[in-house]
Amino acid sequence: MIKTYKKFIKGVTQLQDLALLFIRLILAYGFYMPAMNKWGNMEGIAQWFGSMNYPLPTLNAYLAGTTEATGVVLLFFGLGTRIISIPLMITMLVAIFTVHIGNGFAAADNGIEIPLYYLLMLVLLLAYGSGKYSIDYFLTKKREG
């Protein structure tokens, strides 16, 4: 029984890199529309941020839009994954505490559910990196080899 369990664990462990790839791609897809919406109407986003009393709303609108758009590209390719995860996590924390928290948990109610899931996925990428199917992996392997 223990041998079978160890074989199972060894086999499942092989899925880690694939899981990290899927997490990166899902996050890149998830950040795509918010980034495009911000860049398509930056003035409106800055006004919305101002209505929520964000400090420097125009600057913060550009920072959020740039962070999300950069995140889309870097997550898709797995380049600088650990680095881009940090500003994306900050973006999700700001979204949770300024937009979503008052609506409860459920995504259907515009609650914290989706940004919380994104935040948790970003924590995984920060901790584990982008995995084997990434530019990060090939750059690291090239330096080591």
Protein backbone atom coordinates (compact mmCIF):
# COMPACT_ATOMS: atom_id res chain seq x y z
CA MET A 1 0.00 0.00 0.00
CA ILE A 2 2.80 2.44 0.87
CA LYS A 3 4.65 1.66 -2.40
CA THR A 4 1.49 2.35 -4.37
CA TYR A 5 0.99 5.63 -2.54
CA LYS A 6 4.61 6.68 -3.20
CA LYS A 7 4.20 5.87 -6.90
CA PHE A 8 1.00 7.90 -6.96
CA ILE A 9 2.71 10.88 -5.31
CA LYS A 10 5.64 10.64 -7.73
CA GLY A 11 3.25 10.60 -10.68
CA VAL A 12 1.13 13.46 -9.43
CA THR A 13 4.25 15.53 -8.74
CA GLN A 14 4.94 15.44 -12.49
CA LEU A 15 1.82 17.59 -12.93
CA GLN A 16 3.28 20.54 -10.98
CA ASP A 17 4.78 22.27 -14.01
CA LEU A 18 1.60 21.82 -16.00
CA ALA A 19 -0.44 23.22 -13.10
CA LEU A 20 1.84 26.27 -12.90
CA LEU A 21 1.43 26.80 -16.65
CA PHE A 22 -2.36 26.64 -16.37
CA ILE A 23 -2.37 29.05 -13.43
CA ARG A 24 -0.24 31.51 -15.41
CA LEU A 25 -2.47 31.28 -18.48
CA ILE A 26 -5.71 31.62 -16.50
CA LEU A 27 -4.34 34.68 -14.70
CA ALA A 28 -3.10 36.22 -17.96
CA TYR A 29 -6.56 35.72 -19.46
CA GLY A 30 -8.23 37.06 -16.32
CA PHE A 31 -6.16 40.25 -16.29
CA TYR A 32 -6.52 40.87 -20.03
CA MET A 33 -9.98 42.49 -20.08
CA PRO A 34 -9.48 44.63 -16.97
CA ALA A 35 -6.20 45.91 -18.49
CA MET A 36 -7.83 46.64 -21.85
CA ASN A 37 -10.79 48.33 -20.16
CA LYS A 38 -8.45 50.58 -18.20
CA TRP A 39 -6.35 51.48 -21.23
CA GLY A 40 -9.48 51.99 -23.34
CA ASN A 41 -10.94 54.51 -20.89
CA MET A 42 -8.16 55.73 -18.64
CA GLU A 43 -9.90 59.05 -17.92
CA GLY A 44 -13.07 57.25 -16.83
CA ILE A 45 -11.07 54.86 -14.64
CA ALA A 46 -9.24 57.80 -13.04
CA GLN A 47 -12.60 59.46 -12.31
CA TRP A 48 -13.93 56.19 -10.82
CA PHE A 49 -10.79 55.86 -8.66
CA GLY A 50 -11.29 59.48 -7.57
CA SER A 51 -14.89 58.75 -6.60
CA MET A 52 -13.56 56.04 -4.26
CA ASN A 53 -11.09 58.54 -2.76
CA TYR A 54 -7.98 56.88 -4.15
CA PRO A 55 -5.01 59.19 -3.71
CA LEU A 56 -3.65 60.43 -7.04
CA PRO A 57 -6.42 58.68 -9.01
CA THR A 58 -4.97 59.32 -12.46
CA LEU A 59 -1.54 58.01 -11.48
CA ASN A 60 -3.12 54.98 -9.79
CA ALA A 61 -5.28 54.28 -12.86
CA TYR A 62 -2.16 54.24 -15.04
CA LEU A 63 -0.28 52.12 -12.50
CA ALA A 64 -3.10 49.57 -12.29
CA GLY A 65 -3.56 49.44 -16.06
CA THR A 66 0.18 49.12 -16.68
CA THR A 67 0.58 46.45 -14.00
CA GLU A 68 -2.29 44.39 -15.40
CA ALA A 69 -1.19 44.75 -19.04
CA THR A 70 2.41 43.90 -18.19
CA GLY A 71 1.16 40.98 -16.11
CA VAL A 72 -0.76 39.59 -19.07
CA VAL A 73 2.37 39.43 -21.23
CA LEU A 74 4.82 38.26 -18.56
CA LEU A 75 2.49 35.61 -17.13
CA PHE A 76 1.67 34.30 -20.60
CA PHE A 77 5.33 33.76 -21.42
CA GLY A 78 6.46 32.91 -17.89
CA LEU A 79 8.99 35.71 -17.81
CA GLY A 80 9.72 37.47 -14.52
CA THR A 81 6.80 35.59 -13.00
CA ARG A 82 7.87 35.96 -9.39
CA ILE A 83 8.57 39.66 -9.84
CA ILE A 84 5.29 40.57 -11.61
CA SER A 85 3.35 38.54 -9.05
CA ILE A 86 4.12 41.12 -6.35
CA PRO A 87 2.56 44.23 -7.98
CA LEU A 88 -0.35 42.09 -9.21
CA MET A 89 -0.93 40.89 -5.63
CA ILE A 90 -0.94 44.50 -4.46
CA THR A 91 -3.46 45.33 -7.19
CA MET A 92 -5.68 42.47 -6.02
CA LEU A 93 -5.44 43.55 -2.38
CA VAL A 94 -6.43 47.10 -3.31
CA ALA A 95 -9.35 45.77 -5.38
CA ILE A 96 -10.48 43.51 -2.54
CA PHE A 97 -10.37 46.21 0.13
CA THR A 98 -11.73 49.12 -1.91
CA VAL A 99 -14.21 47.59 -4.35
CA HIS A 100 -15.24 44.06 -3.39
CA ILE A 101 -15.16 43.61 0.39
CA GLY A 102 -18.41 45.46 0.99
CA ASN A 103 -20.21 43.01 -1.31
CA GLY A 104 -19.39 39.87 0.65
CA PHE A 105 -17.73 36.78 -0.77
CA ALA A 106 -19.72 35.65 -3.83
CA ALA A 107 -18.52 36.59 -7.29
CA ALA A 108 -22.15 36.90 -8.38
CA ASP A 109 -22.50 39.80 -5.94
CA ASN A 110 -19.18 41.41 -7.02
CA GLY A 111 -17.67 40.11 -3.80
CA ILE A 112 -14.08 39.21 -3.01
CA GLU A 113 -14.20 35.71 -4.49
CA ILE A 114 -12.47 36.29 -7.86
CA PRO A 115 -9.77 38.73 -6.73
CA LEU A 116 -9.12 36.44 -3.74
CA TYR A 117 -8.63 33.46 -6.05
CA TYR A 118 -6.30 35.53 -8.23
CA LEU A 119 -4.39 36.60 -5.13
CA LEU A 120 -3.98 32.99 -4.01
CA MET A 121 -2.81 31.90 -7.47
CA LEU A 122 -0.30 34.76 -7.50
CA VAL A 123 1.02 33.65 -4.10
CA LEU A 124 1.60 30.19 -5.58
CA LEU A 125 3.51 31.67 -8.50
CA LEU A 126 5.58 33.81 -6.15
CA ALA A 127 6.43 30.76 -4.04
CA TYR A 128 6.94 28.17 -6.80
CA GLY A 129 7.88 30.23 -9.84
CA SER A 130 6.60 29.77 -13.36
CA GLY A 131 7.49 26.11 -13.81
CA LYS A 132 9.22 24.21 -16.58
CA TYR A 133 7.05 25.56 -19.38
CA SER A 134 8.30 29.14 -19.20
CA ILE A 135 10.99 31.49 -20.40
CA ASP A 136 12.13 31.82 -16.78
CA TYR A 137 12.92 28.11 -16.70
CA PHE A 138 14.94 28.22 -19.93
CA LEU A 139 16.88 31.30 -18.84
CA THR A 140 17.69 29.70 -15.49
CA LYS A 141 18.64 26.40 -17.12
CA LYS A 142 20.87 28.21 -19.62
CA ARG A 143 22.71 30.06 -16.83
CA GLU A 144 23.19 26.86 -14.84
CA GLY A 145 24.29 24.79 -17.83
